[in-house]
Amino acid sequence: MNKDSTKNLIGQPIFKQIVKMLPKEQFDFLVHQQKSDWHYRTFMSWEQLISLLFGIFSRCDSSGEVCDGMRALAGKLSYLGTHYVKLYIIPSV
């Protein structure tokens, strides 16, 4: 097998590896094209995507569990590419 030496993922959390593989430039282009952040000032599309992915991979059943999980790991989630995630903005389901 041929190893891919361009991806340095050894020793990183799985969630970080997945977030690192997301094409943020293309995501930002689509957000700009669709104007999805047009009316939002605090909870942008990237933060929403990250929080939703965190909920999926953490097997959370409610938005409260997502908020609690992200609060508990706040110091360890600095690699997500978000300035901050206001967890109280996530709407309840």
Foldseek 3Di string as FASTA:
>chain_A
DDDDPVDDCPPHDPLLSVLVPDPVVVVVVVCVVVVVCVPPDACDPLNVVSLVVQCVVVVPDWLVVSLVVCVVCVVVCPSNPDPDRPSVVPDTD
